[in-house]
Amino acid sequence: MKRTMLYRLLSMALMSSAILFPGVADSQAMLVCAQRVDIVAFLGDNLSEKLSAVGKLNPDTIVEIYAAESGSWTLLISDASGRSCIILSGDSWESIPVLPGPKA
């Protein structure tokens, strides 16, 4: 339960910052949309990015984060029709390991 709430909070914070502060990343402001399979293939083939995290925004939309060991990352939103859009991308991604403990 806590983990789900944390993911929702994180996704909402990312979406809010992208909407409210579009001038922060002017060079990345171009919205790129295509079929999900094409974008995922591009990210894997050209940037060596693999699926790192996923969350559901609503029954028809998911948010995915693809990351590479080099540190590059891409935030992707996909809908039920198979269309996806790259929302943000960047460098210096760091995955934080899950600590052992009781499950919520």
N, C-alpha and C. Protein backbone atom coordinates (compact mmCIF):
# COMPACT_ATOMS: atom_id res chain seq x y z
N MET A 1 0.83 -1.19 0.00
CA MET A 1 0.00 0.00 0.00
C MET A 1 0.87 1.25 0.00
N LYS A 2 1.87 1.29 0.90
CA LYS A 2 2.74 2.46 0.97
C LYS A 2 3.53 2.61 -0.32
N ARG A 3 3.96 1.47 -0.89
CA ARG A 3 4.74 1.51 -2.12
C ARG A 3 3.90 2.06 -3.26
N THR A 4 2.65 1.64 -3.36
CA THR A 4 1.75 2.13 -4.40
C THR A 4 1.53 3.63 -4.26
N MET A 5 1.32 4.08 -3.03
CA MET A 5 1.12 5.50 -2.80
C MET A 5 2.36 6.30 -3.17
N LEU A 6 3.55 5.75 -2.87
CA LEU A 6 4.80 6.42 -3.20
C LEU A 6 4.95 6.55 -4.71
N TYR A 7 4.64 5.46 -5.46
CA TYR A 7 4.74 5.52 -6.91
C TYR A 7 3.76 6.52 -7.50
N ARG A 8 2.56 6.56 -6.96
CA ARG A 8 1.57 7.53 -7.46
C ARG A 8 2.02 8.95 -7.18
N LEU A 9 2.55 9.18 -6.00
CA LEU A 9 3.04 10.51 -5.65
C LEU A 9 4.19 10.91 -6.56
N LEU A 10 5.11 9.98 -6.81
CA LEU A 10 6.24 10.26 -7.68
C LEU A 10 5.78 10.57 -9.11
N SER A 11 4.86 9.77 -9.62
CA SER A 11 4.39 10.01 -10.99
C SER A 11 3.64 11.34 -11.09
N MET A 12 2.85 11.67 -10.09
CA MET A 12 2.13 12.94 -10.11
C MET A 12 3.11 14.12 -10.01
N ALA A 13 4.15 13.97 -9.21
CA ALA A 13 5.15 15.03 -9.08
C ALA A 13 5.87 15.24 -10.41
N LEU A 14 6.22 14.15 -11.07
CA LEU A 14 6.90 14.26 -12.37
C LEU A 14 6.00 14.91 -13.41
N MET A 15 4.75 14.47 -13.46
CA MET A 15 3.82 15.04 -14.42
C MET A 15 3.55 16.52 -14.13
N SER A 16 3.39 16.85 -12.86
CA SER A 16 3.12 18.24 -12.48
C SER A 16 4.29 19.14 -12.85
N SER A 17 5.51 18.67 -12.57
CA SER A 17 6.68 19.49 -12.89
C SER A 17 6.83 19.67 -14.40
N ALA A 18 6.50 18.63 -15.17
CA ALA A 18 6.58 18.74 -16.62
C ALA A 18 5.56 19.73 -17.17
N ILE A 19 4.39 19.76 -16.56
CA ILE A 19 3.32 20.65 -17.02
C ILE A 19 3.53 22.08 -16.53
N LEU A 20 3.89 22.23 -15.25
CA LEU A 20 4.00 23.55 -14.65
C LEU A 20 5.29 24.29 -14.99
N PHE A 21 6.37 23.54 -15.28
CA PHE A 21 7.65 24.17 -15.55
C PHE A 21 8.23 23.71 -16.89
N PRO A 22 7.52 23.94 -17.99
CA PRO A 22 8.02 23.46 -19.28
C PRO A 22 9.28 24.18 -19.74
N GLY A 23 9.54 25.38 -19.25
CA GLY A 23 10.72 26.13 -19.67
C GLY A 23 12.01 25.62 -19.08
N VAL A 24 11.95 24.77 -18.07
CA VAL A 24 13.16 24.27 -17.42
C VAL A 24 13.97 23.43 -18.38
N ALA A 25 13.31 22.66 -19.23
CA ALA A 25 14.01 21.78 -20.15
C ALA A 25 13.58 22.07 -21.58
N ASP A 26 13.83 23.29 -22.05
CA ASP A 26 13.41 23.68 -23.39
C ASP A 26 13.98 22.76 -24.46
N SER A 27 15.21 22.29 -24.28
CA SER A 27 15.80 21.43 -25.30
C SER A 27 15.11 20.08 -25.35
N GLN A 28 14.38 19.71 -24.30
CA GLN A 28 13.69 18.43 -24.26
C GLN A 28 12.18 18.60 -24.39
N ALA A 29 11.72 19.77 -24.75
CA ALA A 29 10.30 20.06 -24.73
C ALA A 29 9.52 19.43 -25.88
N MET A 30 10.21 18.91 -26.90
CA MET A 30 9.53 18.32 -28.03
C MET A 30 8.87 17.00 -27.62
N LEU A 31 7.58 16.88 -27.83
CA LEU A 31 6.83 15.68 -27.49
C LEU A 31 6.91 14.72 -28.67
N VAL A 32 7.44 13.52 -28.44
CA VAL A 32 7.60 12.53 -29.49
C VAL A 32 6.62 11.40 -29.23
N CYS A 33 5.74 11.13 -30.18
CA CYS A 33 4.74 10.07 -30.04
C CYS A 33 4.85 9.11 -31.23
N ALA A 34 4.63 7.83 -30.94
CA ALA A 34 4.64 6.79 -31.97
C ALA A 34 4.05 5.53 -31.35
N GLN A 35 4.04 4.45 -32.09
CA GLN A 35 3.60 3.18 -31.54
C GLN A 35 4.59 2.73 -30.47
N ARG A 36 4.07 2.17 -29.38
CA ARG A 36 4.90 1.78 -28.24
C ARG A 36 6.00 0.82 -28.66
N VAL A 37 5.69 -0.17 -29.49
CA VAL A 37 6.70 -1.15 -29.89
C VAL A 37 7.87 -0.49 -30.61
N ASP A 38 7.60 0.55 -31.39
CA ASP A 38 8.65 1.26 -32.12
C ASP A 38 9.54 2.06 -31.16
N ILE A 39 8.92 2.75 -30.20
CA ILE A 39 9.69 3.54 -29.24
C ILE A 39 10.54 2.63 -28.36
N VAL A 40 9.95 1.54 -27.87
CA VAL A 40 10.70 0.61 -27.00
C VAL A 40 11.87 0.02 -27.77
N ALA A 41 11.67 -0.35 -29.03
CA ALA A 41 12.76 -0.89 -29.85
C ALA A 41 13.86 0.15 -30.04
N PHE A 42 13.47 1.40 -30.30
CA PHE A 42 14.46 2.47 -30.46
C PHE A 42 15.28 2.67 -29.19
N LEU A 43 14.58 2.72 -28.04
CA LEU A 43 15.28 2.92 -26.77
C LEU A 43 16.26 1.79 -26.49
N GLY A 44 15.87 0.57 -26.79
CA GLY A 44 16.74 -0.58 -26.56
C GLY A 44 17.90 -0.64 -27.53
N ASP A 45 17.61 -0.45 -28.81
CA ASP A 45 18.64 -0.57 -29.84
C ASP A 45 19.64 0.58 -29.84
N ASN A 46 19.17 1.79 -29.65
CA ASN A 46 20.04 2.96 -29.77
C ASN A 46 20.60 3.49 -28.46
N LEU A 47 19.86 3.32 -27.36
CA LEU A 47 20.30 3.87 -26.08
C LEU A 47 20.57 2.81 -25.02
N SER A 48 20.32 1.53 -25.35
CA SER A 48 20.48 0.41 -24.42
C SER A 48 19.63 0.57 -23.17
N GLU A 49 18.50 1.25 -23.30
CA GLU A 49 17.60 1.45 -22.16
C GLU A 49 16.63 0.29 -22.06
N LYS A 50 16.41 -0.15 -20.83
CA LYS A 50 15.49 -1.24 -20.54
C LYS A 50 14.47 -0.76 -19.52
N LEU A 51 13.32 -1.42 -19.49
CA LEU A 51 12.26 -1.05 -18.56
C LEU A 51 12.78 -1.13 -17.13
N SER A 52 12.63 -0.02 -16.39
CA SER A 52 13.13 0.06 -15.02
C SER A 52 12.00 0.18 -14.01
N ALA A 53 10.91 0.87 -14.39
CA ALA A 53 9.78 1.05 -13.48
C ALA A 53 8.52 1.28 -14.30
N VAL A 54 7.38 0.92 -13.71
CA VAL A 54 6.11 1.09 -14.40
C VAL A 54 5.03 1.39 -13.37
N GLY A 55 4.06 2.21 -13.76
CA GLY A 55 2.95 2.53 -12.89
C GLY A 55 1.71 2.84 -13.72
N LYS A 56 0.55 2.62 -13.14
CA LYS A 56 -0.71 2.86 -13.85
C LYS A 56 -1.29 4.20 -13.41
N LEU A 57 -1.57 5.08 -14.39
CA LEU A 57 -2.20 6.35 -14.11
C LEU A 57 -3.71 6.20 -14.00
N ASN A 58 -4.27 5.43 -14.92
CA ASN A 58 -5.70 5.12 -14.92
C ASN A 58 -5.86 3.80 -15.67
N PRO A 59 -7.06 3.26 -15.82
CA PRO A 59 -7.21 1.95 -16.48
C PRO A 59 -6.67 1.89 -17.90
N ASP A 60 -6.53 3.01 -18.58
CA ASP A 60 -6.08 3.01 -19.96
C ASP A 60 -4.69 3.59 -20.19
N THR A 61 -4.01 4.05 -19.15
CA THR A 61 -2.73 4.74 -19.33
C THR A 61 -1.71 4.27 -18.31
N ILE A 62 -0.49 3.99 -18.80
CA ILE A 62 0.59 3.63 -17.89
C ILE A 62 1.79 4.55 -18.12
N VAL A 63 2.60 4.69 -17.08
CA VAL A 63 3.83 5.45 -17.13
C VAL A 63 4.97 4.45 -17.01
N GLU A 64 5.96 4.56 -17.88
CA GLU A 64 7.10 3.66 -17.84
C GLU A 64 8.38 4.48 -17.81
N ILE A 65 9.36 3.99 -17.07
CA ILE A 65 10.68 4.60 -17.07
C ILE A 65 11.66 3.57 -17.61
N TYR A 66 12.36 3.95 -18.66
CA TYR A 66 13.40 3.11 -19.25
C TYR A 66 14.74 3.72 -18.87
N ALA A 67 15.68 2.88 -18.46
CA ALA A 67 16.99 3.39 -18.03
C ALA A 67 18.09 2.46 -18.54
N ALA A 68 19.26 3.04 -18.72
CA ALA A 68 20.44 2.28 -19.16
C ALA A 68 21.50 2.33 -18.07
N GLU A 69 22.41 1.39 -18.12
CA GLU A 69 23.51 1.38 -17.15
C GLU A 69 24.39 2.62 -17.29
N SER A 70 24.38 3.24 -18.46
CA SER A 70 25.15 4.47 -18.67
C SER A 70 24.58 5.65 -17.91
N GLY A 71 23.30 5.51 -17.45
CA GLY A 71 22.65 6.58 -16.70
C GLY A 71 21.57 7.31 -17.47
N SER A 72 21.47 7.07 -18.78
CA SER A 72 20.41 7.74 -19.55
C SER A 72 19.07 7.13 -19.17
N TRP A 73 18.01 7.96 -19.22
CA TRP A 73 16.67 7.49 -18.88
C TRP A 73 15.63 8.22 -19.70
N THR A 74 14.47 7.57 -19.85
CA THR A 74 13.36 8.12 -20.62
C THR A 74 12.05 7.83 -19.90
N LEU A 75 11.19 8.85 -19.78
CA LEU A 75 9.87 8.70 -19.19
C LEU A 75 8.87 8.63 -20.34
N LEU A 76 8.09 7.54 -20.37
CA LEU A 76 7.19 7.25 -21.47
C LEU A 76 5.78 7.07 -20.93
N ILE A 77 4.80 7.62 -21.61
CA ILE A 77 3.40 7.40 -21.25
C ILE A 77 2.76 6.65 -22.41
N SER A 78 2.07 5.53 -22.09
CA SER A 78 1.44 4.69 -23.10
C SER A 78 -0.04 4.55 -22.82
N ASP A 79 -0.84 4.49 -23.90
CA ASP A 79 -2.28 4.28 -23.71
C ASP A 79 -2.68 2.90 -24.22
N ALA A 80 -3.94 2.55 -24.02
CA ALA A 80 -4.43 1.21 -24.34
C ALA A 80 -4.42 0.92 -25.85
N SER A 81 -4.40 1.95 -26.67
CA SER A 81 -4.38 1.75 -28.12
C SER A 81 -3.00 1.40 -28.65
N GLY A 82 -1.97 1.48 -27.80
CA GLY A 82 -0.61 1.17 -28.23
C GLY A 82 0.21 2.39 -28.59
N ARG A 83 -0.36 3.57 -28.45
CA ARG A 83 0.36 4.81 -28.73
C ARG A 83 1.12 5.24 -27.49
N SER A 84 2.36 5.69 -27.67
CA SER A 84 3.19 6.13 -26.56
C SER A 84 3.81 7.48 -26.90
N CYS A 85 4.09 8.26 -25.85
CA CYS A 85 4.75 9.55 -26.02
C CYS A 85 5.91 9.63 -25.03
N ILE A 86 7.04 10.12 -25.51
CA ILE A 86 8.18 10.38 -24.64
C ILE A 86 7.93 11.74 -24.00
N ILE A 87 7.86 11.76 -22.67
CA ILE A 87 7.57 12.98 -21.94
C ILE A 87 8.85 13.69 -21.53
N LEU A 88 9.78 12.96 -20.96
CA LEU A 88 11.06 13.51 -20.50
C LEU A 88 12.17 12.51 -20.74
N SER A 89 13.39 13.00 -20.80
CA SER A 89 14.56 12.12 -20.83
C SER A 89 15.70 12.86 -20.16
N GLY A 90 16.68 12.11 -19.72
CA GLY A 90 17.79 12.75 -19.03
C GLY A 90 18.95 11.80 -18.80
N ASP A 91 19.86 12.22 -17.95
CA ASP A 91 21.06 11.45 -17.63
C ASP A 91 21.16 11.26 -16.12
N SER A 92 22.11 10.47 -15.72
CA SER A 92 22.45 10.24 -14.31
C SER A 92 21.36 9.52 -13.53
N TRP A 93 20.68 8.56 -14.16
CA TRP A 93 19.68 7.75 -13.46
C TRP A 93 20.39 6.81 -12.49
N GLU A 94 19.86 6.71 -11.30
CA GLU A 94 20.39 5.78 -10.30
C GLU A 94 19.24 4.97 -9.72
N SER A 95 19.34 3.66 -9.82
CA SER A 95 18.33 2.79 -9.23
C SER A 95 18.67 2.55 -7.77
N ILE A 96 17.69 2.64 -6.94
CA ILE A 96 17.89 2.42 -5.52
C ILE A 96 17.38 1.02 -5.17
N PRO A 97 18.23 0.17 -4.59
CA PRO A 97 17.78 -1.19 -4.28
C PRO A 97 16.71 -1.17 -3.19
N VAL A 98 15.80 -2.14 -3.29
CA VAL A 98 14.74 -2.27 -2.30
C VAL A 98 15.34 -2.93 -1.07
N LEU A 99 15.12 -2.32 0.09
CA LEU A 99 15.65 -2.86 1.33
C LEU A 99 14.76 -3.99 1.82
N PRO A 100 15.35 -5.02 2.41
CA PRO A 100 14.52 -6.11 2.92
C PRO A 100 13.69 -5.64 4.11
N GLY A 101 12.53 -6.23 4.26
CA GLY A 101 11.67 -5.86 5.35
C GLY A 101 10.28 -6.42 5.14
N PRO A 102 9.39 -6.13 6.05
CA PRO A 102 8.03 -6.65 5.90
C PRO A 102 7.32 -6.02 4.71
N LYS A 103 6.52 -6.83 4.05
CA LYS A 103 5.75 -6.33 2.91
C LYS A 103 4.49 -5.67 3.41
N ALA A 104 4.12 -4.56 2.78
CA ALA A 104 2.93 -3.82 3.19
C ALA A 104 1.68 -4.48 2.70
